[in-house]
Amino acid sequence: REFVSAIASGGTTRYADSVKGRFTISQDRAKNSASLQMNSLKPEDT
């Protein structure tokens, strides 16, 4: 299993080099949810 992205409770984000510029992580504290927007998807993202 490999790391893709993370968002700290304070809002700071991290991304694997392979997805930088293509993926965006976000968090909704009130709804206890998180999302990952994935753009420009590649077969290796499977």
All heavy atoms as atom14 arrays in JSON, in Angstrom:
{
  "sequence": "REFVSAIASGGTTRYADSVKGRFTISQDRAKNSASLQMNSLKPEDT",
  "atom14_mask": [
    [1, 1, 1, 1, 1, 1, 1, 1, 1, 1, 1, 0, 0, 0],
    [1, 1, 1, 1, 1, 1, 1, 1, 1, 0, 0, 0, 0, 0],
    [1, 1, 1, 1, 1, 1, 1, 1, 1, 1, 1, 0, 0, 0],
    [1, 1, 1, 1, 1, 1, 1, 0, 0, 0, 0, 0, 0, 0],
    [1, 1, 1, 1, 1, 1, 0, 0, 0, 0, 0, 0, 0, 0],
    [1, 1, 1, 1, 1, 0, 0, 0, 0, 0, 0, 0, 0, 0],
    [1, 1, 1, 1, 1, 1, 1, 1, 0, 0, 0, 0, 0, 0],
    [1, 1, 1, 1, 1, 0, 0, 0, 0, 0, 0, 0, 0, 0],
    [1, 1, 1, 1, 1, 1, 0, 0, 0, 0, 0, 0, 0, 0],
    [1, 1, 1, 1, 0, 0, 0, 0, 0, 0, 0, 0, 0, 0],
    [1, 1, 1, 1, 0, 0, 0, 0, 0, 0, 0, 0, 0, 0],
    [1, 1, 1, 1, 1, 1, 1, 0, 0, 0, 0, 0, 0, 0],
    [1, 1, 1, 1, 1, 1, 1, 0, 0, 0, 0, 0, 0, 0],
    [1, 1, 1, 1, 1, 1, 1, 1, 1, 1, 1, 0, 0, 0],
    [1, 1, 1, 1, 1, 1, 1, 1, 1, 1, 1, 1, 0, 0],
    [1, 1, 1, 1, 1, 0, 0, 0, 0, 0, 0, 0, 0, 0],
    [1, 1, 1, 1, 1, 1, 1, 1, 0, 0, 0, 0, 0, 0],
    [1, 1, 1, 1, 1, 1, 0, 0, 0, 0, 0, 0, 0, 0],
    [1, 1, 1, 1, 1, 1, 1, 0, 0, 0, 0, 0, 0, 0],
    [1, 1, 1, 1, 1, 1, 1, 1, 1, 0, 0, 0, 0, 0],
    [1, 1, 1, 1, 0, 0, 0, 0, 0, 0, 0, 0, 0, 0],
    [1, 1, 1, 1, 1, 1, 1, 1, 1, 1, 1, 0, 0, 0],
    [1, 1, 1, 1, 1, 1, 1, 1, 1, 1, 1, 0, 0, 0],
    [1, 1, 1, 1, 1, 1, 1, 0, 0, 0, 0, 0, 0, 0],
    [1, 1, 1, 1, 1, 1, 1, 1, 0, 0, 0, 0, 0, 0],
    [1, 1, 1, 1, 1, 1, 0, 0, 0, 0, 0, 0, 0, 0],
    [1, 1, 1, 1, 1, 1, 1, 1, 1, 0, 0, 0, 0, 0],
    [1, 1, 1, 1, 1, 1, 1, 1, 0, 0, 0, 0, 0, 0],
    [1, 1, 1, 1, 1, 1, 1, 1, 1, 1, 1, 0, 0, 0],
    [1, 1, 1, 1, 1, 0, 0, 0, 0, 0, 0, 0, 0, 0],
    [1, 1, 1, 1, 1, 1, 1, 1, 1, 0, 0, 0, 0, 0],
    [1, 1, 1, 1, 1, 1, 1, 1, 0, 0, 0, 0, 0, 0],
    [1, 1, 1, 1, 1, 1, 0, 0, 0, 0, 0, 0, 0, 0],
    [1, 1, 1, 1, 1, 0, 0, 0, 0, 0, 0, 0, 0, 0],
    [1, 1, 1, 1, 1, 1, 0, 0, 0, 0, 0, 0, 0, 0],
    [1, 1, 1, 1, 1, 1, 1, 1, 0, 0, 0, 0, 0, 0],
    [1, 1, 1, 1, 1, 1, 1, 1, 1, 0, 0, 0, 0, 0],
    [1, 1, 1, 1, 1, 1, 1, 1, 0, 0, 0, 0, 0, 0],
    [1, 1, 1, 1, 1, 1, 1, 1, 0, 0, 0, 0, 0, 0],
    [1, 1, 1, 1, 1, 1, 0, 0, 0, 0, 0, 0, 0, 0],
    [1, 1, 1, 1, 1, 1, 1, 1, 0, 0, 0, 0, 0, 0],
    [1, 1, 1, 1, 1, 1, 1, 1, 1, 0, 0, 0, 0, 0],
    [1, 1, 1, 1, 1, 1, 1, 0, 0, 0, 0, 0, 0, 0],
    [1, 1, 1, 1, 1, 1, 1, 1, 1, 0, 0, 0, 0, 0],
    [1, 1, 1, 1, 1, 1, 1, 1, 0, 0, 0, 0, 0, 0],
    [1, 1, 1, 1, 1, 1, 1, 0, 0, 0, 0, 0, 0, 0]
  ],
  "atom14_positions": [
    [[0.84, -1.18, 0.0], [0.0, 0.0, 0.0], [0.89, 1.24, 0.0], [1.85, 1.33, 0.76], [-0.91, -0.02, 1.23], [-2.01, 1.0, 1.22], [-3.03, 0.72, 2.33], [-3.7, -0.55, 2.14], [-4.67, -1.01, 2.92], [-5.08, -0.28, 3.96], [-5.22, -2.18, 2.69], [0.0, 0.0, 0.0], [0.0, 0.0, 0.0], [0.0, 0.0, 0.0]],
    [[0.57, 2.22, -0.84], [1.39, 3.41, -0.95], [0.62, 4.67, -0.59], [-0.58, 4.78, -0.83], [1.99, 3.54, -2.36], [0.98, 3.82, -3.45], [1.62, 4.15, -4.78], [2.81, 4.54, -4.8], [0.94, 4.01, -5.82], [0.0, 0.0, 0.0], [0.0, 0.0, 0.0], [0.0, 0.0, 0.0], [0.0, 0.0, 0.0], [0.0, 0.0, 0.0]],
    [[1.35, 5.61, -0.05], [0.79, 6.89, 0.33], [0.44, 7.72, -0.9], [1.18, 7.76, -1.87], [1.81, 7.65, 1.19], [1.44, 9.08, 1.46], [0.51, 9.4, 2.44], [2.01, 10.11, 0.73], [0.17, 10.72, 2.7], [1.68, 11.43, 0.98], [0.76, 11.73, 1.96], [0.0, 0.0, 0.0], [0.0, 0.0, 0.0], [0.0, 0.0, 0.0]],
    [[-0.71, 8.39, -0.84], [-1.16, 9.25, -1.93], [-1.2, 10.71, -1.5], [-0.58, 11.57, -2.12], [-2.54, 8.83, -2.46], [-3.03, 9.81, -3.52], [-2.5, 7.42, -3.01], [0.0, 0.0, 0.0], [0.0, 0.0, 0.0], [0.0, 0.0, 0.0], [0.0, 0.0, 0.0], [0.0, 0.0, 0.0], [0.0, 0.0, 0.0], [0.0, 0.0, 0.0]],
    [[-1.92, 10.98, -0.42], [-2.08, 12.36, 0.03], [-2.55, 12.39, 1.47], [-3.11, 11.42, 1.97], [-3.09, 13.08, -0.87], [-3.22, 14.45, -0.51], [0.0, 0.0, 0.0], [0.0, 0.0, 0.0], [0.0, 0.0, 0.0], [0.0, 0.0, 0.0], [0.0, 0.0, 0.0], [0.0, 0.0, 0.0], [0.0, 0.0, 0.0], [0.0, 0.0, 0.0]],
    [[-2.32, 13.51, 2.14], [-2.76, 13.68, 3.51], [-3.09, 15.13, 3.78], [-2.52, 16.04, 3.16], [-1.68, 13.21, 4.49], [0.0, 0.0, 0.0], [0.0, 0.0, 0.0], [0.0, 0.0, 0.0], [0.0, 0.0, 0.0], [0.0, 0.0, 0.0], [0.0, 0.0, 0.0], [0.0, 0.0, 0.0], [0.0, 0.0, 0.0], [0.0, 0.0, 0.0]],
    [[-4.02, 15.33, 4.69], [-4.35, 16.68, 5.15], [-4.45, 16.66, 6.66], [-5.15, 15.84, 7.24], [-5.66, 17.19, 4.5], [-5.95, 18.62, 4.95], [-6.83, 16.27, 4.8], [-7.03, 19.31, 4.13], [0.0, 0.0, 0.0], [0.0, 0.0, 0.0], [0.0, 0.0, 0.0], [0.0, 0.0, 0.0], [0.0, 0.0, 0.0], [0.0, 0.0, 0.0]],
    [[-3.7, 17.53, 7.3], [-3.71, 17.63, 8.75], [-4.94, 18.39, 9.21], [-5.57, 19.12, 8.43], [-2.44, 18.32, 9.24], [0.0, 0.0, 0.0], [0.0, 0.0, 0.0], [0.0, 0.0, 0.0], [0.0, 0.0, 0.0], [0.0, 0.0, 0.0], [0.0, 0.0, 0.0], [0.0, 0.0, 0.0], [0.0, 0.0, 0.0], [0.0, 0.0, 0.0]],
    [[-5.27, 18.21, 10.47], [-6.45, 18.89, 11.0], [-6.33, 20.4, 10.89], [-7.35, 21.09, 10.79], [-6.66, 18.48, 12.47], [-5.54, 18.79, 13.27], [0.0, 0.0, 0.0], [0.0, 0.0, 0.0], [0.0, 0.0, 0.0], [0.0, 0.0, 0.0], [0.0, 0.0, 0.0], [0.0, 0.0, 0.0], [0.0, 0.0, 0.0], [0.0, 0.0, 0.0]],
    [[-5.09, 20.91, 10.89], [-4.86, 22.33, 10.73], [-4.93, 22.83, 9.3], [-4.87, 24.03, 9.06], [0.0, 0.0, 0.0], [0.0, 0.0, 0.0], [0.0, 0.0, 0.0], [0.0, 0.0, 0.0], [0.0, 0.0, 0.0], [0.0, 0.0, 0.0], [0.0, 0.0, 0.0], [0.0, 0.0, 0.0], [0.0, 0.0, 0.0], [0.0, 0.0, 0.0]],
    [[-5.01, 21.91, 8.34], [-5.18, 22.29, 6.96], [-3.98, 22.07, 6.04], [-4.12, 22.2, 4.82], [0.0, 0.0, 0.0], [0.0, 0.0, 0.0], [0.0, 0.0, 0.0], [0.0, 0.0, 0.0], [0.0, 0.0, 0.0], [0.0, 0.0, 0.0], [0.0, 0.0, 0.0], [0.0, 0.0, 0.0], [0.0, 0.0, 0.0], [0.0, 0.0, 0.0]],
    [[-2.82, 21.75, 6.6], [-1.65, 21.52, 5.76], [-1.81, 20.22, 4.97], [-2.37, 19.25, 5.46], [-0.36, 21.46, 6.59], [-0.49, 20.44, 7.59], [-0.11, 22.8, 7.27], [0.0, 0.0, 0.0], [0.0, 0.0, 0.0], [0.0, 0.0, 0.0], [0.0, 0.0, 0.0], [0.0, 0.0, 0.0], [0.0, 0.0, 0.0], [0.0, 0.0, 0.0]],
    [[-1.31, 20.21, 3.76], [-1.47, 19.06, 2.87], [-0.13, 18.51, 2.41], [0.88, 19.22, 2.35], [-2.31, 19.42, 1.65], [-1.68, 20.49, 0.92], [-3.7, 19.87, 2.07], [0.0, 0.0, 0.0], [0.0, 0.0, 0.0], [0.0, 0.0, 0.0], [0.0, 0.0, 0.0], [0.0, 0.0, 0.0], [0.0, 0.0, 0.0], [0.0, 0.0, 0.0]],
    [[-0.13, 17.23, 2.05], [1.03, 16.56, 1.48], [0.56, 15.68, 0.34], [-0.54, 15.14, 0.37], [1.75, 15.69, 2.52], [2.43, 16.44, 3.63], [3.29, 15.49, 4.48], [2.49, 14.5, 5.16], [2.65, 13.18, 5.05], [3.61, 12.7, 4.26], [1.88, 12.35, 5.73], [0.0, 0.0, 0.0], [0.0, 0.0, 0.0], [0.0, 0.0, 0.0]],
    [[1.42, 15.53, -0.66], [1.1, 14.69, -1.81], [2.3, 13.86, -2.23], [3.45, 14.32, -2.13], [0.68, 15.54, -3.01], [-0.56, 16.36, -2.78], [-0.49, 17.67, -2.32], [-1.82, 15.82, -3.03], [-1.63, 18.42, -2.11], [-2.97, 16.57, -2.82], [-2.87, 17.86, -2.36], [-4.01, 18.61, -2.15], [0.0, 0.0, 0.0], [0.0, 0.0, 0.0]],
    [[2.02, 12.66, -2.68], [3.07, 11.87, -3.31], [3.49, 12.56, -4.6], [2.68, 13.2, -5.27], [2.58, 10.46, -3.6], [0.0, 0.0, 0.0], [0.0, 0.0, 0.0], [0.0, 0.0, 0.0], [0.0, 0.0, 0.0], [0.0, 0.0, 0.0], [0.0, 0.0, 0.0], [0.0, 0.0, 0.0], [0.0, 0.0, 0.0], [0.0, 0.0, 0.0]],
    [[4.76, 12.44, -4.95], [5.26, 13.08, -6.16], [4.47, 12.65, -7.4], [4.28, 13.44, -8.33], [6.74, 12.77, -6.36], [7.63, 13.49, -5.38], [7.18, 14.49, -4.78], [8.79, 13.07, -5.22], [0.0, 0.0, 0.0], [0.0, 0.0, 0.0], [0.0, 0.0, 0.0], [0.0, 0.0, 0.0], [0.0, 0.0, 0.0], [0.0, 0.0, 0.0]],
    [[4.01, 11.43, -7.41], [3.32, 10.89, -8.56], [1.96, 11.53, -8.83], [1.43, 11.41, -9.93], [3.15, 9.38, -8.42], [2.41, 9.06, -7.26], [0.0, 0.0, 0.0], [0.0, 0.0, 0.0], [0.0, 0.0, 0.0], [0.0, 0.0, 0.0], [0.0, 0.0, 0.0], [0.0, 0.0, 0.0], [0.0, 0.0, 0.0], [0.0, 0.0, 0.0]],
    [[1.4, 12.23, -7.83], [0.08, 12.81, -8.0], [0.07, 14.32, -7.85], [-0.98, 14.95, -8.03], [-0.94, 12.2, -7.02], [-0.96, 10.68, -7.13], [-0.65, 12.62, -5.58], [0.0, 0.0, 0.0], [0.0, 0.0, 0.0], [0.0, 0.0, 0.0], [0.0, 0.0, 0.0], [0.0, 0.0, 0.0], [0.0, 0.0, 0.0], [0.0, 0.0, 0.0]],
    [[1.2, 14.92, -7.55], [1.27, 16.38, -7.38], [0.82, 17.09, -8.65], [1.21, 16.72, -9.76], [2.69, 16.81, -7.03], [3.09, 16.53, -5.6], [4.5, 17.04, -5.3], [4.88, 16.78, -3.86], [6.27, 17.2, -3.57], [0.0, 0.0, 0.0], [0.0, 0.0, 0.0], [0.0, 0.0, 0.0], [0.0, 0.0, 0.0], [0.0, 0.0, 0.0]],
    [[0.0, 18.1, -8.46], [-0.52, 18.86, -9.58], [-1.75, 18.26, -10.21], [-2.41, 18.92, -11.03], [0.0, 0.0, 0.0], [0.0, 0.0, 0.0], [0.0, 0.0, 0.0], [0.0, 0.0, 0.0], [0.0, 0.0, 0.0], [0.0, 0.0, 0.0], [0.0, 0.0, 0.0], [0.0, 0.0, 0.0], [0.0, 0.0, 0.0], [0.0, 0.0, 0.0]],
    [[-2.1, 17.04, -9.84], [-3.26, 16.36, -10.41], [-4.34, 16.07, -9.37], [-5.52, 16.11, -9.7], [-2.85, 15.05, -11.08], [-1.86, 15.22, -12.22], [-1.65, 13.91, -12.97], [-1.08, 12.87, -12.11], [-1.66, 11.71, -11.85], [-2.85, 11.42, -12.41], [-1.08, 10.81, -11.07], [0.0, 0.0, 0.0], [0.0, 0.0, 0.0], [0.0, 0.0, 0.0]],
    [[-3.93, 15.77, -8.15], [-4.87, 15.42, -7.09], [-4.95, 16.55, -6.07], [-3.96, 17.24, -5.81], [-4.43, 14.15, -6.36], [-4.53, 12.88, -7.15], [-4.79, 12.9, -8.52], [-4.37, 11.66, -6.52], [-4.88, 11.72, -9.25], [-4.45, 10.48, -7.24], [-4.71, 10.51, -8.6], [0.0, 0.0, 0.0], [0.0, 0.0, 0.0], [0.0, 0.0, 0.0]],
    [[-6.11, 16.72, -5.46], [-6.31, 17.7, -4.41], [-7.1, 17.07, -3.27], [-8.17, 16.5, -3.49], [-7.07, 18.94, -4.92], [-6.37, 19.52, -6.02], [-7.2, 19.97, -3.81], [0.0, 0.0, 0.0], [0.0, 0.0, 0.0], [0.0, 0.0, 0.0], [0.0, 0.0, 0.0], [0.0, 0.0, 0.0], [0.0, 0.0, 0.0], [0.0, 0.0, 0.0]],
    [[-6.57, 17.17, -2.07], [-7.24, 16.61, -0.9], [-7.9, 17.74, -0.12], [-7.38, 18.86, -0.06], [-6.25, 15.83, -0.01], [-7.0, 15.06, 1.09], [-5.2, 16.76, 0.6], [-6.11, 14.09, 1.86], [0.0, 0.0, 0.0], [0.0, 0.0, 0.0], [0.0, 0.0, 0.0], [0.0, 0.0, 0.0], [0.0, 0.0, 0.0], [0.0, 0.0, 0.0]],
    [[-9.04, 17.45, 0.47], [-9.74, 18.43, 1.29], [-10.43, 17.72, 2.44], [-10.62, 16.5, 2.42], [-10.75, 19.23, 0.47], [-11.74, 18.38, -0.09], [0.0, 0.0, 0.0], [0.0, 0.0, 0.0], [0.0, 0.0, 0.0], [0.0, 0.0, 0.0], [0.0, 0.0, 0.0], [0.0, 0.0, 0.0], [0.0, 0.0, 0.0], [0.0, 0.0, 0.0]],
    [[-10.79, 18.49, 3.45], [-11.42, 17.93, 4.64], [-12.54, 18.84, 5.11], [-12.4, 20.07, 5.09], [-10.39, 17.74, 5.74], [-10.93, 17.1, 7.01], [-9.85, 16.92, 8.06], [-8.81, 17.59, 8.02], [-10.07, 16.01, 9.0], [0.0, 0.0, 0.0], [0.0, 0.0, 0.0], [0.0, 0.0, 0.0], [0.0, 0.0, 0.0], [0.0, 0.0, 0.0]],
    [[-13.63, 18.24, 5.53], [-14.75, 18.96, 6.11], [-14.9, 18.47, 7.54], [-15.47, 17.41, 7.79], [-16.03, 18.73, 5.32], [-17.17, 19.62, 5.77], [-17.18, 20.05, 6.93], [-18.07, 19.89, 4.95], [0.0, 0.0, 0.0], [0.0, 0.0, 0.0], [0.0, 0.0, 0.0], [0.0, 0.0, 0.0], [0.0, 0.0, 0.0], [0.0, 0.0, 0.0]],
    [[-14.37, 19.23, 8.48], [-14.4, 18.83, 9.88], [-15.82, 18.7, 10.41], [-16.13, 17.79, 11.17], [-13.62, 19.84, 10.73], [-12.13, 19.91, 10.44], [-11.39, 18.81, 11.17], [-11.55, 18.91, 12.62], [-10.85, 19.74, 13.4], [-9.92, 20.51, 12.87], [-11.08, 19.77, 14.7], [0.0, 0.0, 0.0], [0.0, 0.0, 0.0], [0.0, 0.0, 0.0]],
    [[-16.7, 19.62, 10.01], [-18.06, 19.6, 10.51], [-18.81, 18.34, 10.09], [-19.64, 17.82, 10.84], [-18.81, 20.84, 10.03], [0.0, 0.0, 0.0], [0.0, 0.0, 0.0], [0.0, 0.0, 0.0], [0.0, 0.0, 0.0], [0.0, 0.0, 0.0], [0.0, 0.0, 0.0], [0.0, 0.0, 0.0], [0.0, 0.0, 0.0], [0.0, 0.0, 0.0]],
    [[-18.52, 17.85, 8.91], [-19.19, 16.66, 8.4], [-18.4, 15.38, 8.61], [-18.84, 14.31, 8.2], [-19.49, 16.83, 6.91], [-20.43, 17.97, 6.59], [-20.69, 18.06, 5.09], [-21.65, 19.18, 4.76], [-21.9, 19.3, 3.3], [0.0, 0.0, 0.0], [0.0, 0.0, 0.0], [0.0, 0.0, 0.0], [0.0, 0.0, 0.0], [0.0, 0.0, 0.0]],
    [[-17.22, 15.5, 9.25], [-16.35, 14.34, 9.46], [-16.09, 13.6, 8.16], [-16.21, 12.37, 8.08], [-16.96, 13.39, 10.5], [-16.99, 13.98, 11.88], [-16.02, 14.61, 12.32], [-18.08, 13.79, 12.6], [0.0, 0.0, 0.0], [0.0, 0.0, 0.0], [0.0, 0.0, 0.0], [0.0, 0.0, 0.0], [0.0, 0.0, 0.0], [0.0, 0.0, 0.0]],
    [[-15.74, 14.35, 7.16], [-15.51, 13.76, 5.85], [-14.26, 14.33, 5.2], [-13.77, 15.4, 5.58], [-16.71, 13.97, 4.93], [-16.9, 15.35, 4.67], [0.0, 0.0, 0.0], [0.0, 0.0, 0.0], [0.0, 0.0, 0.0], [0.0, 0.0, 0.0], [0.0, 0.0, 0.0], [0.0, 0.0, 0.0], [0.0, 0.0, 0.0], [0.0, 0.0, 0.0]],
    [[-13.75, 13.6, 4.23], [-12.6, 14.04, 3.46], [-12.82, 13.64, 2.01], [-13.56, 12.7, 1.73], [-11.31, 13.43, 3.99], [0.0, 0.0, 0.0], [0.0, 0.0, 0.0], [0.0, 0.0, 0.0], [0.0, 0.0, 0.0], [0.0, 0.0, 0.0], [0.0, 0.0, 0.0], [0.0, 0.0, 0.0], [0.0, 0.0, 0.0], [0.0, 0.0, 0.0]],
    [[-12.2, 14.34, 1.1], [-12.35, 14.03, -0.31], [-11.02, 14.1, -1.02], [-10.07, 14.72, -0.55], [-13.36, 14.97, -0.98], [-12.88, 16.3, -0.99], [0.0, 0.0, 0.0], [0.0, 0.0, 0.0], [0.0, 0.0, 0.0], [0.0, 0.0, 0.0], [0.0, 0.0, 0.0], [0.0, 0.0, 0.0], [0.0, 0.0, 0.0], [0.0, 0.0, 0.0]],
    [[-10.96, 13.45, -2.15], [-9.77, 13.46, -3.0], [-10.23, 13.7, -4.43], [-10.84, 12.82, -5.04], [-9.0, 12.15, -2.9], [-7.68, 12.08, -3.67], [-6.65, 13.0, -3.02], [-7.15, 10.65, -3.71], [0.0, 0.0, 0.0], [0.0, 0.0, 0.0], [0.0, 0.0, 0.0], [0.0, 0.0, 0.0], [0.0, 0.0, 0.0], [0.0, 0.0, 0.0]],
    [[-9.97, 14.89, -4.93], [-10.28, 15.21, -6.32], [-9.12, 14.76, -7.19], [-7.99, 15.2, -6.99], [-10.51, 16.71, -6.49], [-10.81, 17.15, -7.91], [-12.11, 16.61, -8.44], [-13.12, 16.64, -7.74], [-12.09, 16.11, -9.67], [0.0, 0.0, 0.0], [0.0, 0.0, 0.0], [0.0, 0.0, 0.0], [0.0, 0.0, 0.0], [0.0, 0.0, 0.0]],
    [[-9.4, 13.89, -8.14], [-8.37, 13.32, -8.99], [-8.61, 13.75, -10.43], [-9.62, 13.38, -11.03], [-8.36, 11.79, -8.88], [-8.23, 11.28, -7.45], [-8.07, 9.48, -7.36], [-9.68, 9.0, -8.01], [0.0, 0.0, 0.0], [0.0, 0.0, 0.0], [0.0, 0.0, 0.0], [0.0, 0.0, 0.0], [0.0, 0.0, 0.0], [0.0, 0.0, 0.0]],
    [[-7.68, 14.51, -10.96], [-7.77, 14.99, -12.33], [-6.62, 14.4, -13.16], [-5.63, 13.92, -12.62], [-7.7, 16.52, -12.38], [-8.85, 17.19, -11.67], [-9.97, 16.69, -11.67], [-8.57, 18.35, -11.08], [0.0, 0.0, 0.0], [0.0, 0.0, 0.0], [0.0, 0.0, 0.0], [0.0, 0.0, 0.0], [0.0, 0.0, 0.0], [0.0, 0.0, 0.0]],
    [[-6.77, 14.47, -14.47], [-5.75, 13.98, -15.39], [-5.3, 12.58, -15.02], [-4.1, 12.28, -14.94], [-4.55, 14.94, -15.4], [-4.94, 16.24, -15.79], [0.0, 0.0, 0.0], [0.0, 0.0, 0.0], [0.0, 0.0, 0.0], [0.0, 0.0, 0.0], [0.0, 0.0, 0.0], [0.0, 0.0, 0.0], [0.0, 0.0, 0.0], [0.0, 0.0, 0.0]],
    [[-6.25, 11.71, -14.81], [-5.95, 10.36, -14.35], [-5.16, 9.57, -15.39], [-5.36, 9.73, -16.6], [-7.23, 9.62, -14.0], [-7.85, 10.03, -12.66], [-9.3, 9.59, -12.58], [-7.05, 9.44, -11.51], [0.0, 0.0, 0.0], [0.0, 0.0, 0.0], [0.0, 0.0, 0.0], [0.0, 0.0, 0.0], [0.0, 0.0, 0.0], [0.0, 0.0, 0.0]],
    [[-4.27, 8.73, -14.89], [-3.42, 7.89, -15.72], [-3.69, 6.42, -15.41], [-4.13, 6.1, -14.31], [-1.95, 8.2, -15.45], [-1.55, 9.65, -15.63], [-0.1, 9.87, -15.21], [0.31, 11.32, -15.37], [1.71, 11.54, -14.93], [0.0, 0.0, 0.0], [0.0, 0.0, 0.0], [0.0, 0.0, 0.0], [0.0, 0.0, 0.0], [0.0, 0.0, 0.0]],
    [[-3.4, 5.52, -16.34], [-3.59, 4.1, -16.07], [-2.85, 3.63, -14.81], [-3.35, 2.75, -14.11], [-3.02, 3.42, -17.32], [-3.26, 4.41, -18.4], [-3.02, 5.75, -17.75], [0.0, 0.0, 0.0], [0.0, 0.0, 0.0], [0.0, 0.0, 0.0], [0.0, 0.0, 0.0], [0.0, 0.0, 0.0], [0.0, 0.0, 0.0], [0.0, 0.0, 0.0]],
    [[-1.7, 4.21, -14.52], [-0.95, 3.83, -13.33], [-1.61, 4.28, -12.03], [-1.16, 3.91, -10.94], [0.49, 4.35, -13.39], [0.62, 5.8, -13.8], [0.9, 5.98, -15.27], [0.21, 5.36, -16.1], [1.84, 6.74, -15.61], [0.0, 0.0, 0.0], [0.0, 0.0, 0.0], [0.0, 0.0, 0.0], [0.0, 0.0, 0.0], [0.0, 0.0, 0.0]],
    [[-2.67, 5.08, -12.12], [-3.45, 5.44, -10.94], [-4.43, 4.34, -10.55], [-5.06, 4.43, -9.5], [-4.22, 6.74, -11.17], [-3.32, 7.94, -11.34], [-2.31, 8.05, -10.6], [-3.62, 8.79, -12.21], [0.0, 0.0, 0.0], [0.0, 0.0, 0.0], [0.0, 0.0, 0.0], [0.0, 0.0, 0.0], [0.0, 0.0, 0.0], [0.0, 0.0, 0.0]],
    [[-4.59, 3.35, -11.4], [-5.51, 2.25, -11.12], [-5.1, 1.53, -9.84], [-3.97, 1.09, -9.7], [-5.53, 1.25, -12.28], [-6.05, 1.9, -13.45], [-6.4, 0.05, -11.95], [0.0, 0.0, 0.0], [0.0, 0.0, 0.0], [0.0, 0.0, 0.0], [0.0, 0.0, 0.0], [0.0, 0.0, 0.0], [0.0, 0.0, 0.0], [0.0, 0.0, 0.0]]
  ]
}
